[in-house]
Amino acid sequence: MIRRPSAAFCSLLTAFIAGAGLRLWTLGFFEFKEEQFGNMLAGMDMPGRWFLVNHGIASTVGVPNGAGLFQIMGVWALLGARTPFAFAACGVVASIAAMVLFYRMLKRYGSGFARTGVWMLALLPSSVLLAANIWPHSYLGLLAVAILWLTTVAWERQSAVLWCCACGLTAWAGTVHLSAFFLLPGLAAVGEMMKLRRQIWAAAAGIGLVIVLPWLWHLCFQWDKTMYDVPVSKALWRIWSREFAGCFGGGWLSEYFADPVAPLAWIWSRRGGRVLLILAGGLPWIGVIRAGIALCRREEMPKIVSVAFALTWSVIMGYTLLQTRLYFFYFVIMMPALIVMAAYGWSRLRLAWLRRGITVLWCVAALGVSVTALETLRYPGGHPLEYGPHIGFWNRCTAELKAEQAVAPLCLDLAVEGPVGEKLSPHIVKYFLKPYHDPSGRPCRLTISYDPVRRCYEHRLVFAE
């Protein structure tokens, strides 16, 4: 007799399918500008350098990142990755792996708790957007989950070795993106609660120092400090309210659209889009607040929730003290911890129908935000404010050029019209179009434009008379 799968199993399977499906969908229209192109080229160059580079891409605060992302990309290059799609697919795999690891971590504390956490990570709009982006943030989610798990297990087992491993992984994650360094005070707080000996602290500091030493050497002796420029925010509370308060939902839309409701309004209307943003961005904070109440009352709670609080506050205080201009992807490193707090807080609500209802309502709202906003980026070929022409647009251009090249060689000339010029890097143009240019071929012109009325990227291939 074949047993029917339980409702819990079906729910979990649906979460994985939905999360993986959304991430795979973005492989057709991920952001591919000069930053992503540079990351890809640097990764392809890493095996030839024996992975020995001491710094990575420039950051938005002026200080260069470490070489962690280049090392990750170098591994993919060593395994055969050579195209933007291949590198983006590796990021998607890492994002899906984070979902699997997250479930493995949370199921020790209850199946309902784990399912809620997986649903939230699977449908988190910013996580879906960044999965295929060929950026550090494509991998920060997986690293954040691993750090959270290692730190929790270290505290539960009173294992100094695992705590040192968590510190080492955090130091290396900091070389992938600087935001991970803000986790270190939270790890130190956990170490203090574990009452570790001084020798353990010294060992952890030594491990971290060895990992970041090449990067520190570059900062101290090779980096041009005159390039250092921190964009200080003069209205920090506005940034927090827009970026951080909406981090569970559509806070990231402010980076790509002057009006965050606009990319949702074409389906849901302005009022409906605003409701979606409020539900997706606000409902999880009910759980975070409930978890905070439990912490203040000193209620018994799993150690993973206490660790999540420590790591989250560590990052928040770091950015608050630094007073830099915040971007939504700065919060990726603490999103797994925030999800743990939100899921735990929801689980502490007394009414069963409320616990289930709030989870379903958030999932519907988050899915609505993700699908509608991403389609707003996919259909027109990108967006001129920040995203630029996406990979799907370039694929359509090169597909037409390839078909014409099969007939006879092309002597290709490029023309640009409208606001597209601000986001069109010469390096990107050369990468995509150079294979189709032959000085002795048929003269033709490829015109790339952006129609501000239709809000759509267009290309036209015209041959000379």
Protein backbone atom coordinates (compact mmCIF):
# COMPACT_ATOMS: atom_id res chain seq x y z
CA MET A 1 0.00 0.00 0.00
CA ILE A 2 1.40 3.40 -1.02
CA ARG A 3 1.21 6.02 1.71
CA ARG A 4 -0.05 9.43 0.74
CA PRO A 5 2.46 12.20 1.46
CA SER A 6 1.54 14.29 4.46
CA ALA A 7 0.36 17.88 4.18
CA ALA A 8 3.55 19.00 5.95
CA PHE A 9 5.73 17.24 3.35
CA CYS A 10 3.71 18.71 0.48
CA SER A 11 4.03 22.18 1.99
CA LEU A 12 7.80 21.84 2.34
CA LEU A 13 8.19 20.45 -1.18
CA THR A 14 6.09 23.30 -2.57
CA ALA A 15 8.32 25.82 -0.79
CA PHE A 16 11.44 24.34 -2.36
CA ILE A 17 9.86 24.16 -5.81
CA ALA A 18 8.59 27.74 -5.60
CA GLY A 19 11.90 29.10 -4.33
CA ALA A 20 14.00 27.17 -6.84
CA GLY A 21 11.62 28.04 -9.67
CA LEU A 22 11.78 31.76 -8.99
CA ARG A 23 15.57 31.67 -8.86
CA LEU A 24 15.87 29.66 -12.07
CA TRP A 25 13.50 32.11 -13.76
CA THR A 26 15.89 35.00 -13.05
CA LEU A 27 18.59 33.28 -15.12
CA GLY A 28 16.86 34.69 -18.19
CA PHE A 29 17.09 38.36 -17.16
CA PHE A 30 19.69 38.87 -14.43
CA GLU A 31 21.55 42.16 -14.10
CA PHE A 32 24.77 42.16 -16.13
CA LYS A 33 26.66 45.44 -16.08
CA GLU A 34 30.35 46.31 -15.82
CA GLU A 35 30.53 45.14 -12.17
CA GLN A 36 29.24 41.66 -12.95
CA PHE A 37 31.41 41.47 -16.07
CA GLY A 38 34.50 42.41 -14.05
CA ASN A 39 33.73 39.77 -11.42
CA MET A 40 33.39 37.13 -14.11
CA LEU A 41 36.70 38.06 -15.79
CA ALA A 42 38.53 38.20 -12.46
CA GLY A 43 37.19 34.76 -11.55
CA MET A 44 38.30 33.31 -14.87
CA ASP A 45 41.76 34.77 -14.27
CA MET A 46 42.11 33.30 -10.74
CA PRO A 47 43.31 29.76 -11.63
CA GLY A 48 46.14 31.25 -13.70
CA ARG A 49 47.17 33.30 -10.66
CA TRP A 50 46.98 30.28 -8.35
CA PHE A 51 44.22 32.18 -6.51
CA LEU A 52 46.87 34.54 -5.10
CA VAL A 53 45.28 37.99 -5.21
CA ASN A 54 44.98 40.23 -2.17
CA HIS A 55 41.89 42.31 -2.91
CA GLY A 56 38.63 42.27 -4.80
CA ILE A 57 36.13 44.74 -6.22
CA ALA A 58 35.67 48.27 -4.91
CA SER A 59 32.89 48.72 -2.38
CA THR A 60 30.30 51.45 -2.08
CA VAL A 61 32.08 52.81 1.01
CA GLY A 62 35.38 53.30 -0.81
CA VAL A 63 37.37 50.51 0.85
CA PRO A 64 38.07 47.61 -1.54
CA ASN A 65 36.57 44.25 -0.67
CA GLY A 66 38.72 41.23 -0.10
CA ALA A 67 39.34 38.55 -2.72
CA GLY A 68 36.70 36.11 -1.45
CA LEU A 69 34.30 36.56 -4.35
CA PHE A 70 37.09 36.20 -6.88
CA GLN A 71 38.14 32.97 -5.17
CA ILE A 72 34.60 31.59 -5.42
CA MET A 73 34.39 32.60 -9.06
CA GLY A 74 37.80 31.08 -9.66
CA VAL A 75 36.56 27.71 -8.43
CA TRP A 76 33.69 27.85 -10.93
CA ALA A 77 36.14 28.81 -13.69
CA LEU A 78 38.36 25.90 -12.71
CA LEU A 79 35.31 23.63 -13.08
CA GLY A 80 34.62 24.94 -16.59
CA ALA A 81 32.45 28.06 -16.21
CA ARG A 82 33.13 30.52 -19.05
CA THR A 83 29.88 32.36 -19.77
CA PRO A 84 27.69 34.79 -17.79
CA PHE A 85 24.95 32.16 -17.69
CA ALA A 86 27.29 29.57 -16.16
CA PHE A 87 28.49 31.91 -13.41
CA ALA A 88 24.94 33.09 -12.73
CA ALA A 89 23.75 29.47 -12.51
CA CYS A 90 26.40 28.81 -9.84
CA GLY A 91 24.95 31.66 -7.79
CA VAL A 92 21.46 30.20 -8.17
CA VAL A 93 22.71 26.79 -7.00
CA ALA A 94 24.28 28.46 -3.94
CA SER A 95 21.01 30.26 -3.18
CA ILE A 96 19.03 27.01 -3.42
CA ALA A 97 21.66 25.26 -1.27
CA ALA A 98 21.04 27.92 1.38
CA MET A 99 17.39 26.83 1.50
CA VAL A 100 18.40 23.19 2.00
CA LEU A 101 20.92 24.04 4.71
CA PHE A 102 18.41 26.34 6.40
CA TYR A 103 15.88 23.52 6.64
CA ARG A 104 18.51 21.09 7.95
CA MET A 105 19.35 23.64 10.62
CA LEU A 106 15.82 24.52 11.68
CA LYS A 107 14.21 21.07 11.70
CA ARG A 108 16.03 20.31 14.97
CA TYR A 109 13.73 22.85 16.63
CA GLY A 110 10.42 21.67 15.23
CA SER A 111 9.01 20.81 11.82
CA GLY A 112 6.53 23.72 11.82
CA PHE A 113 9.26 26.20 12.69
CA ALA A 114 11.46 24.77 9.92
CA ARG A 115 8.72 24.91 7.28
CA THR A 116 7.93 28.52 8.07
CA GLY A 117 11.60 29.46 7.89
CA VAL A 118 12.09 27.69 4.56
CA TRP A 119 9.00 29.33 3.07
CA MET A 120 10.31 32.75 4.11
CA LEU A 121 13.81 32.20 2.72
CA ALA A 122 12.43 30.62 -0.45
CA LEU A 123 10.11 33.51 -1.29
CA LEU A 124 12.21 36.37 0.12
CA PRO A 125 12.08 38.87 -2.80
CA SER A 126 15.61 40.24 -2.35
CA SER A 127 17.07 36.72 -2.15
CA VAL A 128 15.34 35.78 -5.39
CA LEU A 129 16.56 38.95 -7.12
CA LEU A 130 20.21 38.50 -6.11
CA ALA A 131 20.53 34.75 -6.67
CA ALA A 132 21.82 35.00 -10.26
CA ASN A 133 23.49 38.39 -10.00
CA ILE A 134 27.23 37.41 -10.18
CA TRP A 135 27.76 39.51 -7.06
CA PRO A 136 29.03 38.73 -3.54
CA HIS A 137 25.42 38.76 -2.35
CA SER A 138 24.62 35.69 -4.44
CA TYR A 139 26.67 33.73 -1.90
CA LEU A 140 26.19 35.73 1.31
CA GLY A 141 22.87 33.99 2.06
CA LEU A 142 24.52 30.56 2.11
CA LEU A 143 27.46 31.87 4.15
CA ALA A 144 25.12 33.58 6.63
CA VAL A 145 23.14 30.37 7.18
CA ALA A 146 26.37 28.41 7.70
CA ILE A 147 27.71 30.97 10.21
CA LEU A 148 24.41 30.98 12.11
CA TRP A 149 24.35 27.19 12.30
CA LEU A 150 28.01 26.82 13.31
CA THR A 151 27.67 29.45 16.04
CA THR A 152 24.49 27.87 17.42
CA VAL A 153 25.90 24.33 17.49
CA ALA A 154 29.10 25.65 19.08
CA TRP A 155 27.07 27.23 21.90
CA GLU A 156 24.81 24.20 22.36
CA ARG A 157 27.74 21.79 22.56
CA GLN A 158 30.07 24.27 24.29
CA SER A 159 32.52 23.53 21.49
CA ALA A 160 35.41 25.97 21.29
CA VAL A 161 36.54 24.35 18.03
CA LEU A 162 33.23 25.02 16.29
CA TRP A 163 33.15 28.58 17.61
CA CYS A 164 36.63 29.17 16.17
CA CYS A 165 35.41 27.69 12.87
CA ALA A 166 32.47 30.12 12.90
CA CYS A 167 34.88 33.02 13.48
CA GLY A 168 37.12 31.82 10.64
CA LEU A 169 34.18 31.43 8.25
CA THR A 170 32.95 34.91 9.20
CA ALA A 171 36.38 36.40 8.52
CA TRP A 172 36.45 34.76 5.10
CA ALA A 173 32.85 35.87 4.42
CA GLY A 174 34.10 39.39 5.20
CA THR A 175 36.55 39.05 2.31
CA VAL A 176 33.58 38.17 0.09
CA HIS A 177 31.71 41.28 1.25
CA LEU A 178 32.59 43.76 3.98
CA SER A 179 29.15 43.51 5.63
CA ALA A 180 30.06 40.09 7.08
CA PHE A 181 32.67 41.69 9.35
CA PHE A 182 29.80 43.26 11.30
CA LEU A 183 28.91 39.76 12.53
CA LEU A 184 32.12 39.53 14.57
CA PRO A 185 30.87 41.50 17.62
CA GLY A 186 27.84 39.18 17.74
CA LEU A 187 30.13 36.15 17.63
CA ALA A 188 32.19 37.70 20.40
CA ALA A 189 29.03 38.12 22.49
CA VAL A 190 28.23 34.42 22.01
CA GLY A 191 31.81 33.55 22.95
CA GLU A 192 31.46 35.57 26.12
CA MET A 193 28.27 33.72 27.04
CA MET A 194 30.14 30.44 26.41
CA LYS A 195 32.79 31.65 28.91
CA LEU A 196 35.63 30.67 26.62
CA ARG A 197 39.22 30.72 27.82
CA ARG A 198 41.70 33.36 26.67
CA GLN A 199 43.58 30.78 24.60
CA ILE A 200 40.45 30.16 22.53
CA TRP A 201 39.99 33.86 21.89
CA ALA A 202 43.62 34.10 20.81
CA ALA A 203 43.24 31.10 18.49
CA ALA A 204 40.11 32.58 16.86
CA ALA A 205 41.83 35.94 16.42
CA GLY A 206 44.85 34.20 14.88
CA ILE A 207 42.69 32.24 12.43
CA GLY A 208 40.84 35.37 11.35
CA LEU A 209 44.07 37.35 11.00
CA VAL A 210 45.66 34.72 8.77
CA ILE A 211 42.58 34.73 6.52
CA VAL A 212 42.42 38.51 6.10
CA LEU A 213 46.18 39.21 6.17
CA PRO A 214 46.60 39.56 2.36
CA TRP A 215 43.70 41.99 2.25
CA LEU A 216 45.05 43.96 5.26
CA TRP A 217 48.48 44.12 3.60
CA HIS A 218 46.88 45.60 0.52
CA LEU A 219 44.98 48.20 2.58
CA CYS A 220 48.05 49.22 4.57
CA PHE A 221 50.74 49.30 1.89
CA GLN A 222 49.22 49.15 -1.61
CA TRP A 223 45.80 50.78 -1.57
CA ASP A 224 45.50 54.38 -2.72
CA LYS A 225 43.89 55.97 0.33
CA THR A 226 43.13 59.17 -1.56
CA MET A 227 40.32 57.21 -3.23
CA TYR A 228 38.60 56.64 0.11
CA ASP A 229 35.19 58.25 0.17
CA VAL A 230 32.40 57.22 2.53
CA PRO A 231 28.96 58.37 1.36
CA VAL A 232 27.57 59.42 4.73
CA SER A 233 23.81 59.42 5.04
CA LYS A 234 22.34 62.65 6.39
CA ALA A 235 18.91 61.09 6.84
CA LEU A 236 19.67 57.69 8.28
CA TRP A 237 16.18 57.16 9.65
CA ARG A 238 14.74 57.45 6.14
CA ILE A 239 17.12 54.81 4.86
CA TRP A 240 16.26 52.48 7.72
CA SER A 241 12.53 52.99 7.20
CA ARG A 242 12.75 52.36 3.46
CA GLU A 243 15.48 49.74 3.13
CA PHE A 244 15.53 47.94 6.46
CA ALA A 245 11.88 48.09 7.42
CA GLY A 246 10.99 46.66 4.02
CA CYS A 247 13.79 44.09 3.87
CA PHE A 248 11.33 41.17 4.06
CA GLY A 249 9.33 42.50 1.13
CA GLY A 250 9.88 45.21 -1.44
CA GLY A 251 12.46 47.45 0.23
CA TRP A 252 14.84 46.72 -2.64
CA LEU A 253 12.49 48.31 -5.16
CA SER A 254 13.66 51.79 -4.07
CA GLU A 255 17.05 51.06 -5.62
CA TYR A 256 15.55 50.45 -9.07
CA PHE A 257 12.39 52.55 -9.14
CA ALA A 258 11.79 56.12 -8.00
CA ASP A 259 8.30 54.99 -6.97
CA PRO A 260 8.40 51.52 -5.32
CA VAL A 261 4.68 51.00 -5.93
CA ALA A 262 4.94 51.58 -9.70
CA PRO A 263 6.31 48.13 -10.66
CA LEU A 264 3.39 46.50 -8.84
CA ALA A 265 0.61 48.85 -9.87
CA TRP A 266 0.28 47.60 -13.45
CA ILE A 267 -1.30 44.39 -12.12
CA TRP A 268 -2.47 45.19 -8.60
CA SER A 269 -3.31 48.91 -8.97
CA ARG A 270 -1.56 51.47 -6.78
CA ARG A 271 -3.69 50.66 -3.76
CA GLY A 272 -3.22 46.92 -4.19
CA GLY A 273 0.53 47.32 -4.75
CA ARG A 274 0.84 49.37 -1.59
CA VAL A 275 -1.06 46.71 0.37
CA LEU A 276 1.29 44.01 -0.98
CA LEU A 277 4.33 46.00 0.10
CA ILE A 278 2.91 46.59 3.57
CA LEU A 279 2.00 42.93 4.07
CA ALA A 280 5.24 41.52 2.67
CA GLY A 281 7.41 44.02 4.50
CA GLY A 282 5.44 44.32 7.73
CA LEU A 283 4.07 40.91 8.75
CA PRO A 284 7.45 39.36 9.63
CA TRP A 285 8.14 42.21 12.03
CA ILE A 286 5.20 40.98 14.12
CA GLY A 287 7.18 37.79 14.63
CA VAL A 288 10.43 39.68 15.31
CA ILE A 289 8.70 41.85 17.92
CA ARG A 290 7.12 38.78 19.56
CA ALA A 291 10.53 37.11 19.68
CA GLY A 292 11.96 40.29 21.20
CA ILE A 293 9.27 40.23 23.89
CA ALA A 294 10.17 36.64 24.69
CA LEU A 295 13.82 37.66 25.00
CA CYS A 296 13.02 40.58 27.29
CA ARG A 297 10.86 38.33 29.50
CA ARG A 298 13.71 35.79 29.62
CA GLU A 299 11.38 33.12 28.31
CA GLU A 300 12.98 29.80 27.44
CA MET A 301 13.84 29.76 23.75
CA PRO A 302 16.11 27.80 21.41
CA LYS A 303 19.69 29.03 21.39
CA ILE A 304 19.47 29.63 17.66
CA VAL A 305 17.04 32.49 18.34
CA SER A 306 19.42 34.04 20.88
CA VAL A 307 22.28 33.73 18.39
CA ALA A 308 20.08 35.32 15.71
CA PHE A 309 19.45 38.30 18.00
CA ALA A 310 23.16 38.68 18.75
CA LEU A 311 24.18 38.59 15.08
CA THR A 312 21.38 40.89 13.94
CA TRP A 313 22.06 43.54 16.55
CA SER A 314 25.74 43.30 15.75
CA VAL A 315 25.12 44.22 12.11
CA ILE A 316 22.56 46.93 12.93
CA MET A 317 24.84 48.65 15.43
CA GLY A 318 27.77 48.44 13.01
CA TYR A 319 25.92 50.27 10.28
CA THR A 320 24.38 52.75 12.70
CA LEU A 321 27.79 53.71 14.09
CA LEU A 322 29.35 53.86 10.63
CA GLN A 323 26.55 56.13 9.35
CA THR A 324 27.04 55.09 5.73
CA ARG A 325 24.52 55.21 2.93
CA LEU A 326 22.68 51.90 3.16
CA TYR A 327 21.62 49.66 0.28
CA PHE A 328 19.24 46.73 0.47
CA PHE A 329 21.94 44.17 -0.30
CA TYR A 330 23.85 45.28 2.83
CA PHE A 331 21.22 43.41 4.88
CA VAL A 332 21.63 40.06 3.11
CA ILE A 333 24.16 38.88 5.69
CA MET A 334 21.61 39.07 8.51
CA MET A 335 18.44 38.01 6.68
CA PRO A 336 18.62 34.31 7.77
CA ALA A 337 18.91 35.49 11.39
CA LEU A 338 15.97 37.86 10.96
CA ILE A 339 13.93 35.06 9.40
CA VAL A 340 14.70 32.81 12.39
CA MET A 341 13.45 35.53 14.73
CA ALA A 342 10.31 36.16 12.67
CA ALA A 343 9.47 32.46 12.30
CA TYR A 344 10.02 31.85 16.01
CA GLY A 345 7.88 34.85 16.95
CA TRP A 346 5.06 33.62 14.72
CA SER A 347 5.29 30.19 16.34
CA ARG A 348 4.72 31.80 19.75
CA LEU A 349 1.37 33.30 18.76
CA ARG A 350 -1.34 31.59 20.79
CA LEU A 351 -4.03 31.14 18.14
CA ALA A 352 -3.30 28.34 15.65
CA TRP A 353 -5.40 29.94 12.91
CA LEU A 354 -3.45 33.18 13.35
CA ARG A 355 -0.10 31.39 13.12
CA ARG A 356 -1.10 29.64 9.92
CA GLY A 357 -2.95 32.60 8.46
CA ILE A 358 -0.13 35.09 8.93
CA THR A 359 2.33 32.70 7.26
CA VAL A 360 0.07 32.09 4.27
CA LEU A 361 -0.72 35.81 3.94
CA TRP A 362 2.98 36.73 3.95
CA CYS A 363 3.79 34.03 1.38
CA VAL A 364 1.06 35.30 -0.96
CA ALA A 365 2.21 38.92 -0.56
CA ALA A 366 5.91 38.08 -1.00
CA LEU A 367 5.16 35.96 -4.07
CA GLY A 368 3.07 38.80 -5.53
CA VAL A 369 5.90 41.30 -4.96
CA SER A 370 8.56 38.97 -6.39
CA VAL A 371 6.74 37.86 -9.52
CA THR A 372 5.26 41.25 -10.43
CA ALA A 373 8.41 43.29 -9.78
CA LEU A 374 10.67 40.82 -11.54
CA GLU A 375 8.36 40.72 -14.55
CA THR A 376 8.59 44.53 -14.59
CA LEU A 377 12.33 44.12 -15.06
CA ARG A 378 12.15 41.14 -17.43
CA TYR A 379 9.60 42.22 -20.00
CA PRO A 380 11.08 45.62 -21.02
CA GLY A 381 14.65 44.28 -21.20
CA GLY A 382 15.81 45.92 -17.96
CA HIS A 383 15.47 49.35 -16.36
CA PRO A 384 17.59 52.48 -17.00
CA LEU A 385 17.69 53.77 -13.40
CA GLU A 386 20.02 51.08 -12.06
CA TYR A 387 19.54 47.67 -13.63
CA GLY A 388 20.47 48.57 -17.19
CA PRO A 389 19.88 46.20 -20.13
CA HIS A 390 19.64 42.70 -18.67
CA ILE A 391 21.21 39.51 -19.97
CA GLY A 392 18.04 38.54 -21.86
CA PHE A 393 18.19 41.74 -23.89
CA TRP A 394 21.79 41.06 -24.87
CA ASN A 395 20.93 37.47 -25.74
CA ARG A 396 18.19 38.68 -28.11
CA CYS A 397 20.62 41.09 -29.79
CA THR A 398 23.33 38.48 -30.26
CA ALA A 399 20.82 35.88 -31.48
CA GLU A 400 19.81 38.17 -34.37
CA LEU A 401 23.44 38.98 -35.12
CA LYS A 402 24.36 35.31 -35.09
CA ALA A 403 21.59 34.49 -37.55
CA GLU A 404 22.75 37.25 -39.93
CA GLN A 405 26.39 36.26 -39.53
CA ALA A 406 25.51 32.75 -40.65
CA VAL A 407 24.44 34.27 -43.99
CA ALA A 408 27.51 36.49 -44.43
CA PRO A 409 30.05 38.33 -42.21
CA LEU A 410 28.97 41.64 -40.67
CA CYS A 411 30.77 44.97 -40.40
CA LEU A 412 28.97 46.17 -37.30
CA ASP A 413 28.49 49.75 -36.18
CA LEU A 414 26.77 50.64 -32.89
CA ALA A 415 24.47 53.58 -32.23
CA VAL A 416 22.86 54.52 -28.93
CA GLU A 417 19.71 56.58 -28.47
CA GLY A 418 18.04 57.92 -25.37
CA PRO A 419 18.90 57.38 -21.67
CA VAL A 420 20.29 53.90 -22.30
CA GLY A 421 23.74 55.44 -22.76
CA GLU A 422 24.20 55.97 -19.02
CA LYS A 423 24.03 52.24 -18.33
CA LEU A 424 25.78 50.97 -21.43
CA SER A 425 29.40 50.14 -20.60
CA PRO A 426 31.88 50.02 -23.54
CA HIS A 427 33.34 46.84 -22.04
CA ILE A 428 29.94 45.14 -22.08
CA VAL A 429 29.31 46.26 -25.65
CA LYS A 430 32.68 44.93 -26.76
CA TYR A 431 32.16 41.61 -24.98
CA PHE A 432 28.80 40.92 -26.65
CA LEU A 433 29.29 42.50 -30.07
CA LYS A 434 32.97 42.03 -30.97
CA PRO A 435 32.49 38.38 -32.14
CA TYR A 436 30.08 39.66 -34.80
CA HIS A 437 32.27 42.41 -36.25
CA ASP A 438 34.34 41.82 -39.38
CA PRO A 439 35.76 44.93 -41.14
CA SER A 440 35.32 43.22 -44.51
CA GLY A 441 31.72 42.17 -43.86
CA ARG A 442 28.37 43.68 -44.82
CA PRO A 443 28.01 47.21 -43.36
CA CYS A 444 25.19 47.36 -40.80
CA ARG A 445 24.21 49.37 -37.78
CA LEU A 446 22.83 48.08 -34.47
CA THR A 447 20.87 50.78 -32.66
CA ILE A 448 20.10 50.32 -28.96
CA SER A 449 17.54 52.66 -27.45
CA TYR A 450 15.23 53.07 -24.50
CA ASP A 451 11.68 54.26 -25.03
CA PRO A 452 10.70 56.28 -21.91
CA VAL A 453 7.01 56.18 -22.89
CA ARG A 454 6.80 52.40 -23.31
CA ARG A 455 9.59 51.99 -20.69
CA CYS A 456 11.24 49.40 -22.85
CA TYR A 457 14.69 48.66 -24.28
CA GLU A 458 14.76 48.18 -28.06
CA HIS A 459 17.32 47.22 -30.69
CA ARG A 460 17.25 47.63 -34.46
CA LEU A 461 19.64 46.09 -36.99
CA VAL A 462 19.72 48.04 -40.27
CA PHE A 463 21.92 47.23 -43.28
CA ALA A 464 23.44 49.91 -45.49
CA GLU A 465 21.83 50.41 -48.88
